[in-house]
Amino acid sequence: MQPAAPAITAEPAGFLRHLWASERLHYYFMFLPALLLLIGVMVPFLMGMATSLTNEKLYLPDTQFIGLANYQALFSNRVFQESIVNTLLYVVFVLVIQIPLGIGVAVLLDVASPLQRILRSALVLPLLIPPIVAGLMWKTMMQPTQGILNWALTSIGLAPFSWLTDTDTALISVIVIDTWVYMPFAALILLAGLQSVPLDMLEAARVDGASDWQVFRRMKLPWLIPYILLVMLFRAADAIKTFELIYPTTRGGPLNATRVLHVMAYEEAFRWTSLGRAMAIVFVLWLLSYVVSTFLMRQWNRRAKDV
C-alpha cells in the first residue's frame, strides 16, 4: 500500500516552519542586547535634552518649560565663552604635545635593546594611577613654596615657577599633568602601529640602500597615519570632557584660567543647583565632541583605506 501524499509533504513543511521560527527567535535574542544598549543610551540623553529646556533646580519641585532660554543665557555669558576657549585650547595643546612625544617614545621602544621589556612595563605605570590621584600628586609637587619641582629649580639656580597659581601658566601646567598620565597610551598605540609594518617592505628598502631616516619618513610614518588619527580621536574625545585632572588641581581657577565646559557644568549642577543650565552646557559639550569625533573618524576611515 502506498503512503498518503499529504503525510509526506506535511512533515517537511512543519520542520521548515519550526526551523524558520527558531532562527527568527535566535535573531531576536542576538538583537536584544544592542536594543537594550540603545535604549540605555538614548533615554538619559533625551531626558537630559528635555531638562536643558527647563528651569529645573535641585530641591525645587516647581519646574517650567523655558525653551532655549538656557542656551541664550549661556552664549551671552562671558564665563561660558571663556570655558569654550579653554576647552578648545586644552584639546589643541594635548594633541600637539602628546602626538609627537608618543611617536618619539614609540620609535625608541621599537629599537631592540636589553632594557626594552623593562621600559615598556615602566611606560604603563602612569596609566595605572587614577587621574584624580595623579592630579593631587602633581598638585603637591607643584606647590609654589614646598613643591619638589620648585625646589629642583632653585637648587640649580633658577627662579621658582608659578605652576597652578598663575593665570598664564595654570592651563599649561594641567596639560603637563595630562601628558604625564595619557602620553603612554598614545605611545603604546603608535608602537603597535610601528610593529605592524610589513618586514618585507623594510628589508626591501634597506637592500635598496635607504637610510633609517628615509625608511621612517617614507614608509613607517605614512603607515602610522591611521594610528595617529586613532590616537587623536581617543585623546580629543577625552580632552573635550576633561574633569578629573582639572577639578582636583585648580577647580577651574585661578580666575577661570582653567575653567572648561565640564567643570562649569559640574558647578552649575552641584554648586548653583541649576540642572537646566547644567544640562544645556553638557549638550554643548556633547555637540562639540560629536563634531570633532565625526571629523577624525572620517579622516581615519579614508586613511585606513589608503594604507
C-alpha atoms as a PDB file:
ATOM      1  CA  MET A   1       0.000   0.000   0.000  1.00  0.00           C
ATOM      2  CA  GLN A   2       1.370   3.408  -0.937  1.00  0.00           C
ATOM      3  CA  PRO A   3       1.587   6.076   1.818  1.00  0.00           C
ATOM      4  CA  ALA A   4      -0.708   9.019   1.607  1.00  0.00           C
ATOM      5  CA  ALA A   5       0.806  12.013  -0.161  1.00  0.00           C
ATOM      6  CA  PRO A   6      -0.264  14.656   2.429  1.00  0.00           C
ATOM      7  CA  ALA A   7       1.682  12.875   5.169  1.00  0.00           C
ATOM      8  CA  ILE A   8       4.922  13.153   3.156  1.00  0.00           C
ATOM      9  CA  THR A   9       4.595  16.861   2.437  1.00  0.00           C
ATOM     10  CA  ALA A  10       3.258  17.861   5.828  1.00  0.00           C
ATOM     11  CA  GLU A  11       6.286  16.675   7.799  1.00  0.00           C
ATOM     12  CA  PRO A  12       8.936  18.689   5.844  1.00  0.00           C
ATOM     13  CA  ALA A  13       6.691  21.729   5.829  1.00  0.00           C
ATOM     14  CA  GLY A  14       6.268  21.581   9.582  1.00  0.00           C
ATOM     15  CA  PHE A  15      10.001  21.039  10.065  1.00  0.00           C
ATOM     16  CA  LEU A  16      10.894  24.045   7.892  1.00  0.00           C
ATOM     17  CA  ARG A  17       8.321  26.193   9.657  1.00  0.00           C
ATOM     18  CA  HIS A  18       9.811  25.221  13.020  1.00  0.00           C
ATOM     19  CA  LEU A  19      13.345  25.886  11.751  1.00  0.00           C
ATOM     20  CA  TRP A  20      12.362  29.308  10.441  1.00  0.00           C
ATOM     21  CA  ALA A  21      10.727  30.171  13.751  1.00  0.00           C
ATOM     22  CA  SER A  22      13.812  29.083  15.733  1.00  0.00           C
ATOM     23  CA  GLU A  23      16.202  31.098  13.519  1.00  0.00           C
ATOM     24  CA  ARG A  24      13.998  34.142  13.869  1.00  0.00           C
ATOM     25  CA  LEU A  25      13.944  33.664  17.612  1.00  0.00           C
ATOM     26  CA  HIS A  26      17.753  33.463  17.664  1.00  0.00           C
ATOM     27  CA  TYR A  27      17.925  36.637  15.630  1.00  0.00           C
ATOM     28  CA  TYR A  28      15.775  38.468  18.138  1.00  0.00           C
ATOM     29  CA  PHE A  29      17.896  37.193  21.007  1.00  0.00           C
ATOM     30  CA  MET A  30      21.051  38.436  19.270  1.00  0.00           C
ATOM     31  CA  PHE A  31      19.455  41.797  18.584  1.00  0.00           C
ATOM     32  CA  LEU A  32      18.162  42.259  22.150  1.00  0.00           C
ATOM     33  CA  PRO A  33      21.470  43.366  23.800  1.00  0.00           C
ATOM     34  CA  ALA A  34      22.017  46.032  21.134  1.00  0.00           C
ATOM     35  CA  LEU A  35      18.438  47.229  21.599  1.00  0.00           C
ATOM     36  CA  LEU A  36      18.842  47.426  25.372  1.00  0.00           C
ATOM     37  CA  LEU A  37      22.117  49.313  24.951  1.00  0.00           C
ATOM     38  CA  LEU A  38      20.477  51.757  22.554  1.00  0.00           C
ATOM     39  CA  ILE A  39      17.610  52.339  24.974  1.00  0.00           C
ATOM     40  CA  GLY A  40      20.033  52.752  27.879  1.00  0.00           C
ATOM     41  CA  VAL A  41      21.931  55.431  25.947  1.00  0.00           C
ATOM     42  CA  MET A  42      19.082  57.290  24.285  1.00  0.00           C
ATOM     43  CA  VAL A  43      16.696  57.548  27.248  1.00  0.00           C
ATOM     44  CA  PRO A  44      19.116  59.501  29.515  1.00  0.00           C
ATOM     45  CA  PHE A  45      20.241  61.557  26.526  1.00  0.00           C
ATOM     46  CA  LEU A  46      16.676  62.590  25.652  1.00  0.00           C
ATOM     47  CA  MET A  47      15.873  63.249  29.310  1.00  0.00           C
ATOM     48  CA  GLY A  48      18.931  65.477  29.546  1.00  0.00           C
ATOM     49  CA  MET A  49      17.875  67.394  26.437  1.00  0.00           C
ATOM     50  CA  ALA A  50      14.407  67.860  27.893  1.00  0.00           C
ATOM     51  CA  THR A  51      15.916  69.081  31.173  1.00  0.00           C
ATOM     52  CA  SER A  52      18.025  71.656  29.311  1.00  0.00           C
ATOM     53  CA  LEU A  53      14.805  73.242  28.073  1.00  0.00           C
ATOM     54  CA  THR A  54      13.504  73.833  31.606  1.00  0.00           C
ATOM     55  CA  ASN A  55      14.462  75.901  34.643  1.00  0.00           C
ATOM     56  CA  GLU A  56      14.795  72.821  36.846  1.00  0.00           C
ATOM     57  CA  LYS A  57      16.780  73.295  40.057  1.00  0.00           C
ATOM     58  CA  LEU A  58      17.752  70.872  42.775  1.00  0.00           C
ATOM     59  CA  TYR A  59      15.414  70.717  45.767  1.00  0.00           C
ATOM     60  CA  LEU A  60      12.823  72.853  43.960  1.00  0.00           C
ATOM     61  CA  PRO A  61       9.830  70.886  42.653  1.00  0.00           C
ATOM     62  CA  ASP A  62       8.424  73.735  40.531  1.00  0.00           C
ATOM     63  CA  THR A  63       9.806  73.184  37.027  1.00  0.00           C
ATOM     64  CA  GLN A  64       8.732  75.165  33.978  1.00  0.00           C
ATOM     65  CA  PHE A  65       9.453  74.817  30.288  1.00  0.00           C
ATOM     66  CA  ILE A  66      11.506  77.815  29.119  1.00  0.00           C
ATOM     67  CA  GLY A  67      12.615  76.681  25.648  1.00  0.00           C
ATOM     68  CA  LEU A  68      16.040  77.874  24.528  1.00  0.00           C
ATOM     69  CA  ALA A  69      16.427  80.450  27.302  1.00  0.00           C
ATOM     70  CA  ASN A  70      19.232  78.476  28.964  1.00  0.00           C
ATOM     71  CA  TYR A  71      21.211  78.385  25.714  1.00  0.00           C
ATOM     72  CA  GLN A  72      20.645  82.095  25.070  1.00  0.00           C
ATOM     73  CA  ALA A  73      21.825  82.947  28.577  1.00  0.00           C
ATOM     74  CA  LEU A  74      24.899  80.747  28.195  1.00  0.00           C
ATOM     75  CA  PHE A  75      26.130  82.134  24.899  1.00  0.00           C
ATOM     76  CA  SER A  76      25.821  85.677  26.271  1.00  0.00           C
ATOM     77  CA  ASN A  77      27.745  84.658  29.420  1.00  0.00           C
ATOM     78  CA  ARG A  78      31.428  85.663  29.434  1.00  0.00           C
ATOM     79  CA  VAL A  79      32.422  82.746  31.676  1.00  0.00           C
ATOM     80  CA  PHE A  80      30.834  80.288  29.259  1.00  0.00           C
ATOM     81  CA  GLN A  81      32.685  81.845  26.345  1.00  0.00           C
ATOM     82  CA  GLU A  82      35.962  81.567  28.260  1.00  0.00           C
ATOM     83  CA  SER A  83      35.140  77.938  29.053  1.00  0.00           C
ATOM     84  CA  ILE A  84      34.705  77.110  25.362  1.00  0.00           C
ATOM     85  CA  VAL A  85      38.036  78.772  24.547  1.00  0.00           C
ATOM     86  CA  ASN A  86      39.778  76.934  27.393  1.00  0.00           C
ATOM     87  CA  THR A  87      38.301  73.618  26.271  1.00  0.00           C
ATOM     88  CA  LEU A  88      39.459  74.092  22.680  1.00  0.00           C
ATOM     89  CA  LEU A  89      42.919  75.241  23.784  1.00  0.00           C
ATOM     90  CA  TYR A  90      43.189  72.230  26.053  1.00  0.00           C
ATOM     91  CA  VAL A  91      42.341  69.856  23.200  1.00  0.00           C
ATOM     92  CA  VAL A  92      44.760  71.513  20.770  1.00  0.00           C
ATOM     93  CA  PHE A  93      47.689  71.561  23.206  1.00  0.00           C
ATOM     94  CA  VAL A  94      47.058  67.961  24.271  1.00  0.00           C
ATOM     95  CA  LEU A  95      47.193  66.765  20.660  1.00  0.00           C
ATOM     96  CA  VAL A  96      50.138  68.965  19.645  1.00  0.00           C
ATOM     97  CA  ILE A  97      52.244  67.841  22.614  1.00  0.00           C
ATOM     98  CA  GLN A  98      51.262  64.204  23.081  1.00  0.00           C
ATOM     99  CA  ILE A  99      51.253  63.002  19.462  1.00  0.00           C
ATOM    100  CA  PRO A 100      54.923  63.923  18.711  1.00  0.00           C
ATOM    101  CA  LEU A 101      56.017  62.677  22.138  1.00  0.00           C
ATOM    102  CA  GLY A 102      54.118  59.439  21.589  1.00  0.00           C
ATOM    103  CA  ILE A 103      55.786  58.948  18.203  1.00  0.00           C
ATOM    104  CA  GLY A 104      59.226  59.593  19.701  1.00  0.00           C
ATOM    105  CA  VAL A 105      58.699  57.187  22.595  1.00  0.00           C
ATOM    106  CA  ALA A 106      57.262  54.547  20.255  1.00  0.00           C
ATOM    107  CA  VAL A 107      60.300  54.796  17.965  1.00  0.00           C
ATOM    108  CA  LEU A 108      62.654  54.432  20.939  1.00  0.00           C
ATOM    109  CA  LEU A 109      60.776  51.398  22.259  1.00  0.00           C
ATOM    110  CA  ASP A 110      60.711  49.818  18.794  1.00  0.00           C
ATOM    111  CA  VAL A 111      64.507  49.529  18.806  1.00  0.00           C
ATOM    112  CA  ALA A 112      65.698  46.188  20.161  1.00  0.00           C
ATOM    113  CA  SER A 113      67.633  46.573  23.407  1.00  0.00           C
ATOM    114  CA  PRO A 114      68.185  44.588  26.631  1.00  0.00           C
ATOM    115  CA  LEU A 115      66.029  47.078  28.565  1.00  0.00           C
ATOM    116  CA  GLN A 116      63.161  47.053  26.070  1.00  0.00           C
ATOM    117  CA  ARG A 117      60.828  44.897  28.166  1.00  0.00           C
ATOM    118  CA  ILE A 118      61.541  46.905  31.341  1.00  0.00           C
ATOM    119  CA  LEU A 119      60.971  50.226  29.565  1.00  0.00           C
ATOM    120  CA  ARG A 120      57.674  49.033  28.111  1.00  0.00           C
ATOM    121  CA  SER A 121      56.491  47.949  31.553  1.00  0.00           C
ATOM    122  CA  ALA A 122      57.531  51.279  33.077  1.00  0.00           C
ATOM    123  CA  LEU A 123      55.660  53.161  30.351  1.00  0.00           C
ATOM    124  CA  VAL A 124      52.354  51.674  31.513  1.00  0.00           C
ATOM    125  CA  LEU A 125      52.747  52.812  35.136  1.00  0.00           C
ATOM    126  CA  PRO A 126      51.108  56.278  34.755  1.00  0.00           C
ATOM    127  CA  LEU A 127      48.062  54.613  33.181  1.00  0.00           C
ATOM    128  CA  LEU A 128      47.611  52.511  36.333  1.00  0.00           C
ATOM    129  CA  ILE A 129      47.238  55.583  38.565  1.00  0.00           C
ATOM    130  CA  PRO A 130      43.701  57.028  38.808  1.00  0.00           C
ATOM    131  CA  PRO A 131      43.597  60.510  37.216  1.00  0.00           C
ATOM    132  CA  ILE A 132      42.313  62.135  40.415  1.00  0.00           C
ATOM    133  CA  VAL A 133      45.216  60.657  42.394  1.00  0.00           C
ATOM    134  CA  ALA A 134      47.655  61.770  39.696  1.00  0.00           C
ATOM    135  CA  GLY A 135      46.212  65.283  39.806  1.00  0.00           C
ATOM    136  CA  LEU A 136      46.548  65.531  43.580  1.00  0.00           C
ATOM    137  CA  MET A 137      50.073  64.118  43.417  1.00  0.00           C
ATOM    138  CA  TRP A 138      51.163  66.678  40.836  1.00  0.00           C
ATOM    139  CA  LYS A 139      49.401  69.464  42.741  1.00  0.00           C
ATOM    140  CA  THR A 140      51.593  68.637  45.730  1.00  0.00           C
ATOM    141  CA  MET A 141      54.727  68.651  43.585  1.00  0.00           C
ATOM    142  CA  MET A 142      53.719  71.982  42.004  1.00  0.00           C
ATOM    143  CA  GLN A 143      53.233  73.834  45.304  1.00  0.00           C
ATOM    144  CA  PRO A 144      54.857  77.305  44.986  1.00  0.00           C
ATOM    145  CA  THR A 145      56.852  77.153  48.250  1.00  0.00           C
ATOM    146  CA  GLN A 146      57.068  73.491  49.276  1.00  0.00           C
ATOM    147  CA  GLY A 147      56.755  71.663  45.975  1.00  0.00           C
ATOM    148  CA  ILE A 148      59.565  69.439  44.783  1.00  0.00           C
ATOM    149  CA  LEU A 149      59.535  70.966  41.282  1.00  0.00           C
ATOM    150  CA  ASN A 150      60.333  74.474  42.519  1.00  0.00           C
ATOM    151  CA  TRP A 151      62.883  73.003  44.926  1.00  0.00           C
ATOM    152  CA  ALA A 152      64.604  71.367  41.951  1.00  0.00           C
ATOM    153  CA  LEU A 153      64.554  74.649  40.027  1.00  0.00           C
ATOM    154  CA  THR A 154      66.027  76.665  42.892  1.00  0.00           C
ATOM    155  CA  SER A 155      68.665  74.020  43.541  1.00  0.00           C
ATOM    156  CA  ILE A 156      70.127  74.607  40.070  1.00  0.00           C
ATOM    157  CA  GLY A 157      69.923  78.400  40.362  1.00  0.00           C
ATOM    158  CA  LEU A 158      66.609  79.034  38.561  1.00  0.00           C
ATOM    159  CA  ALA A 159      63.691  81.083  39.853  1.00  0.00           C
ATOM    160  CA  PRO A 160      60.666  79.202  41.216  1.00  0.00           C
ATOM    161  CA  PHE A 161      57.779  78.776  38.793  1.00  0.00           C
ATOM    162  CA  SER A 162      54.123  79.587  39.416  1.00  0.00           C
ATOM    163  CA  TRP A 163      52.601  76.358  38.175  1.00  0.00           C
ATOM    164  CA  LEU A 164      48.932  76.237  39.143  1.00  0.00           C
ATOM    165  CA  THR A 165      48.618  79.628  40.829  1.00  0.00           C
ATOM    166  CA  ASP A 166      49.199  81.943  37.859  1.00  0.00           C
ATOM    167  CA  THR A 167      46.599  82.620  35.187  1.00  0.00           C
ATOM    168  CA  ASP A 168      49.274  82.486  32.483  1.00  0.00           C
ATOM    169  CA  THR A 169      50.655  79.082  33.467  1.00  0.00           C
ATOM    170  CA  ALA A 170      47.787  77.196  35.105  1.00  0.00           C
ATOM    171  CA  LEU A 171      46.324  75.723  31.909  1.00  0.00           C
ATOM    172  CA  ILE A 172      49.664  74.567  30.521  1.00  0.00           C
ATOM    173  CA  SER A 173      50.522  73.077  33.933  1.00  0.00           C
ATOM    174  CA  VAL A 174      47.370  70.952  33.839  1.00  0.00           C
ATOM    175  CA  ILE A 175      48.277  69.923  30.279  1.00  0.00           C
ATOM    176  CA  VAL A 176      51.684  68.786  31.589  1.00  0.00           C
ATOM    177  CA  ILE A 177      49.888  66.561  34.103  1.00  0.00           C
ATOM    178  CA  ASP A 178      47.601  65.261  31.349  1.00  0.00           C
ATOM    179  CA  THR A 179      50.646  64.475  29.195  1.00  0.00           C
ATOM    180  CA  TRP A 180      52.302  62.506  32.005  1.00  0.00           C
ATOM    181  CA  VAL A 181      49.132  60.476  32.564  1.00  0.00           C
ATOM    182  CA  TYR A 182      47.964  59.820  28.997  1.00  0.00           C
ATOM    183  CA  MET A 183      51.020  60.085  26.730  1.00  0.00           C
ATOM    184  CA  PRO A 184      51.868  56.404  27.393  1.00  0.00           C
ATOM    185  CA  PHE A 185      48.503  55.482  25.866  1.00  0.00           C
ATOM    186  CA  ALA A 186      49.454  57.285  22.652  1.00  0.00           C
ATOM    187  CA  ALA A 187      52.907  55.694  22.680  1.00  0.00           C
ATOM    188  CA  LEU A 188      51.506  52.167  23.067  1.00  0.00           C
ATOM    189  CA  ILE A 189      49.051  52.585  20.184  1.00  0.00           C
ATOM    190  CA  LEU A 190      51.758  54.043  17.944  1.00  0.00           C
ATOM    191  CA  LEU A 191      54.197  51.314  18.975  1.00  0.00           C
ATOM    192  CA  ALA A 192      51.651  48.734  17.851  1.00  0.00           C
ATOM    193  CA  GLY A 193      51.456  50.587  14.535  1.00  0.00           C
ATOM    194  CA  LEU A 194      55.229  50.532  14.090  1.00  0.00           C
ATOM    195  CA  GLN A 195      55.372  46.819  14.776  1.00  0.00           C
ATOM    196  CA  SER A 196      52.642  46.150  12.201  1.00  0.00           C
ATOM    197  CA  VAL A 197      54.743  47.491   9.310  1.00  0.00           C
ATOM    198  CA  PRO A 198      55.462  44.536   6.955  1.00  0.00           C
ATOM    199  CA  LEU A 199      59.033  43.325   7.407  1.00  0.00           C
ATOM    200  CA  ASP A 200      59.483  42.538   3.717  1.00  0.00           C
ATOM    201  CA  MET A 201      58.903  46.208   2.878  1.00  0.00           C
ATOM    202  CA  LEU A 202      61.546  47.304   5.378  1.00  0.00           C
ATOM    203  CA  GLU A 203      64.029  44.714   4.193  1.00  0.00           C
ATOM    204  CA  ALA A 204      63.483  45.701   0.553  1.00  0.00           C
ATOM    205  CA  ALA A 205      64.057  49.375   1.400  1.00  0.00           C
ATOM    206  CA  ARG A 206      67.293  48.598   3.244  1.00  0.00           C
ATOM    207  CA  VAL A 207      68.508  46.417   0.375  1.00  0.00           C
ATOM    208  CA  ASP A 208      67.943  49.390  -1.935  1.00  0.00           C
ATOM    209  CA  GLY A 209      70.218  51.469   0.309  1.00  0.00           C
ATOM    210  CA  ALA A 210      67.634  53.555   2.190  1.00  0.00           C
ATOM    211  CA  SER A 211      68.803  55.083   5.471  1.00  0.00           C
ATOM    212  CA  ASP A 212      66.940  54.700   8.761  1.00  0.00           C
ATOM    213  CA  TRP A 213      65.545  58.234   8.439  1.00  0.00           C
ATOM    214  CA  GLN A 214      64.332  57.576   4.895  1.00  0.00           C
ATOM    215  CA  VAL A 215      62.696  54.320   5.991  1.00  0.00           C
ATOM    216  CA  PHE A 216      60.912  56.114   8.817  1.00  0.00           C
ATOM    217  CA  ARG A 217      59.848  59.160   6.789  1.00  0.00           C
ATOM    218  CA  ARG A 218      58.728  57.380   3.637  1.00  0.00           C
ATOM    219  CA  MET A 219      57.475  54.038   4.941  1.00  0.00           C
ATOM    220  CA  LYS A 220      56.831  53.954   8.677  1.00  0.00           C
ATOM    221  CA  LEU A 221      55.335  57.434   9.078  1.00  0.00           C
ATOM    222  CA  PRO A 222      52.733  57.040   6.268  1.00  0.00           C
ATOM    223  CA  TRP A 223      51.881  53.639   7.733  1.00  0.00           C
ATOM    224  CA  LEU A 224      51.361  55.298  11.135  1.00  0.00           C
ATOM    225  CA  ILE A 225      48.858  57.908   9.922  1.00  0.00           C
ATOM    226  CA  PRO A 226      45.728  55.785  10.683  1.00  0.00           C
ATOM    227  CA  TYR A 227      47.154  55.027  14.131  1.00  0.00           C
ATOM    228  CA  ILE A 228      47.893  58.720  14.703  1.00  0.00           C
ATOM    229  CA  LEU A 229      44.315  59.587  13.757  1.00  0.00           C
ATOM    230  CA  LEU A 230      43.051  56.869  16.100  1.00  0.00           C
ATOM    231  CA  VAL A 231      45.067  58.332  18.980  1.00  0.00           C
ATOM    232  CA  MET A 232      43.802  61.814  18.078  1.00  0.00           C
ATOM    233  CA  LEU A 233      40.232  60.509  18.135  1.00  0.00           C
ATOM    234  CA  PHE A 234      40.523  58.995  21.608  1.00  0.00           C
ATOM    235  CA  ARG A 235      42.570  61.804  23.118  1.00  0.00           C
ATOM    236  CA  ALA A 236      40.417  64.572  21.649  1.00  0.00           C
ATOM    237  CA  ALA A 237      37.256  62.929  22.976  1.00  0.00           C
ATOM    238  CA  ASP A 238      38.845  62.579  26.433  1.00  0.00           C
ATOM    239  CA  ALA A 239      40.276  66.107  26.454  1.00  0.00           C
ATOM    240  CA  ILE A 240      36.989  67.737  25.476  1.00  0.00           C
ATOM    241  CA  LYS A 241      35.250  66.267  28.520  1.00  0.00           C
ATOM    242  CA  THR A 242      38.218  66.502  30.885  1.00  0.00           C
ATOM    243  CA  PHE A 243      37.311  66.990  34.525  1.00  0.00           C
ATOM    244  CA  GLU A 244      39.195  64.603  36.813  1.00  0.00           C
ATOM    245  CA  LEU A 245      42.550  66.344  36.342  1.00  0.00           C
ATOM    246  CA  ILE A 246      41.384  69.961  36.430  1.00  0.00           C
ATOM    247  CA  TYR A 247      38.952  69.997  39.330  1.00  0.00           C
ATOM    248  CA  PRO A 248      41.251  68.405  41.965  1.00  0.00           C
ATOM    249  CA  THR A 249      44.158  70.691  40.998  1.00  0.00           C
ATOM    250  CA  THR A 250      42.683  74.122  40.224  1.00  0.00           C
ATOM    251  CA  ARG A 251      38.865  73.828  40.470  1.00  0.00           C
ATOM    252  CA  GLY A 252      38.721  75.921  37.308  1.00  0.00           C
ATOM    253  CA  GLY A 253      40.890  78.746  38.636  1.00  0.00           C
ATOM    254  CA  PRO A 254      42.708  80.945  39.060  1.00  0.00           C
ATOM    255  CA  LEU A 255      40.252  83.492  37.669  1.00  0.00           C
ATOM    256  CA  ASN A 256      38.643  80.982  35.279  1.00  0.00           C
ATOM    257  CA  ALA A 257      42.010  80.268  33.638  1.00  0.00           C
ATOM    258  CA  THR A 258      41.335  76.507  33.632  1.00  0.00           C
ATOM    259  CA  ARG A 259      37.537  76.518  33.699  1.00  0.00           C
ATOM    260  CA  VAL A 260      36.466  74.150  30.926  1.00  0.00           C
ATOM    261  CA  LEU A 261      32.932  73.177  29.948  1.00  0.00           C
ATOM    262  CA  HIS A 262      32.790  70.071  32.119  1.00  0.00           C
ATOM    263  CA  VAL A 263      33.911  71.960  35.228  1.00  0.00           C
ATOM    264  CA  MET A 264      31.358  74.689  34.535  1.00  0.00           C
ATOM    265  CA  ALA A 265      28.576  72.125  34.098  1.00  0.00           C
ATOM    266  CA  TYR A 266      29.520  70.459  37.391  1.00  0.00           C
ATOM    267  CA  GLU A 267      29.419  73.746  39.269  1.00  0.00           C
ATOM    268  CA  GLU A 268      26.129  74.772  37.692  1.00  0.00           C
ATOM    269  CA  ALA A 269      24.579  71.495  38.847  1.00  0.00           C
ATOM    270  CA  PHE A 270      26.065  70.999  42.309  1.00  0.00           C
ATOM    271  CA  ARG A 271      27.124  74.496  43.379  1.00  0.00           C
ATOM    272  CA  TRP A 272      24.367  76.642  41.912  1.00  0.00           C
ATOM    273  CA  THR A 273      21.811  73.757  41.774  1.00  0.00           C
ATOM    274  CA  SER A 274      20.740  74.691  38.235  1.00  0.00           C
ATOM    275  CA  LEU A 275      20.145  71.388  36.469  1.00  0.00           C
ATOM    276  CA  GLY A 276      18.577  73.020  33.427  1.00  0.00           C
ATOM    277  CA  ARG A 277      21.587  75.206  32.691  1.00  0.00           C
ATOM    278  CA  ALA A 278      23.996  72.366  33.525  1.00  0.00           C
ATOM    279  CA  MET A 279      22.277  70.097  31.008  1.00  0.00           C
ATOM    280  CA  ALA A 280      22.500  72.859  28.407  1.00  0.00           C
ATOM    281  CA  ILE A 281      26.279  73.023  28.954  1.00  0.00           C
ATOM    282  CA  VAL A 282      26.508  69.232  28.736  1.00  0.00           C
ATOM    283  CA  PHE A 283      24.607  69.247  25.453  1.00  0.00           C
ATOM    284  CA  VAL A 284      27.001  71.856  24.014  1.00  0.00           C
ATOM    285  CA  LEU A 285      29.850  69.657  25.251  1.00  0.00           C
ATOM    286  CA  TRP A 286      28.328  66.639  23.505  1.00  0.00           C
ATOM    287  CA  LEU A 287      27.823  68.600  20.286  1.00  0.00           C
ATOM    288  CA  LEU A 288      31.449  69.747  20.288  1.00  0.00           C
ATOM    289  CA  SER A 289      32.654  66.201  20.945  1.00  0.00           C
ATOM    290  CA  TYR A 290      30.399  64.837  18.196  1.00  0.00           C
ATOM    291  CA  VAL A 291      31.712  67.282  15.591  1.00  0.00           C
ATOM    292  CA  VAL A 292      35.373  66.647  16.409  1.00  0.00           C
ATOM    293  CA  SER A 293      34.937  62.866  16.667  1.00  0.00           C
ATOM    294  CA  THR A 294      32.999  62.650  13.401  1.00  0.00           C
ATOM    295  CA  PHE A 295      35.670  64.622  11.551  1.00  0.00           C
ATOM    296  CA  LEU A 296      38.503  62.486  12.922  1.00  0.00           C
ATOM    297  CA  MET A 297      36.582  59.262  12.271  1.00  0.00           C
ATOM    298  CA  ARG A 298      36.063  60.177   8.624  1.00  0.00           C
ATOM    299  CA  GLN A 299      39.746  61.011   8.256  1.00  0.00           C
ATOM    300  CA  TRP A 300      40.657  57.700   9.888  1.00  0.00           C
ATOM    301  CA  ASN A 301      38.397  55.715   7.547  1.00  0.00           C
ATOM    302  CA  ARG A 302      39.871  57.420   4.499  1.00  0.00           C
ATOM    303  CA  ARG A 303      43.493  56.980   5.615  1.00  0.00           C
ATOM    304  CA  ALA A 304      42.936  53.347   6.642  1.00  0.00           C
ATOM    305  CA  LYS A 305      41.633  52.553   3.145  1.00  0.00           C
ATOM    306  CA  ASP A 306      44.633  54.295   1.561  1.00  0.00           C
ATOM    307  CA  VAL A 307      47.075  52.276   3.640  1.00  0.00           C
END
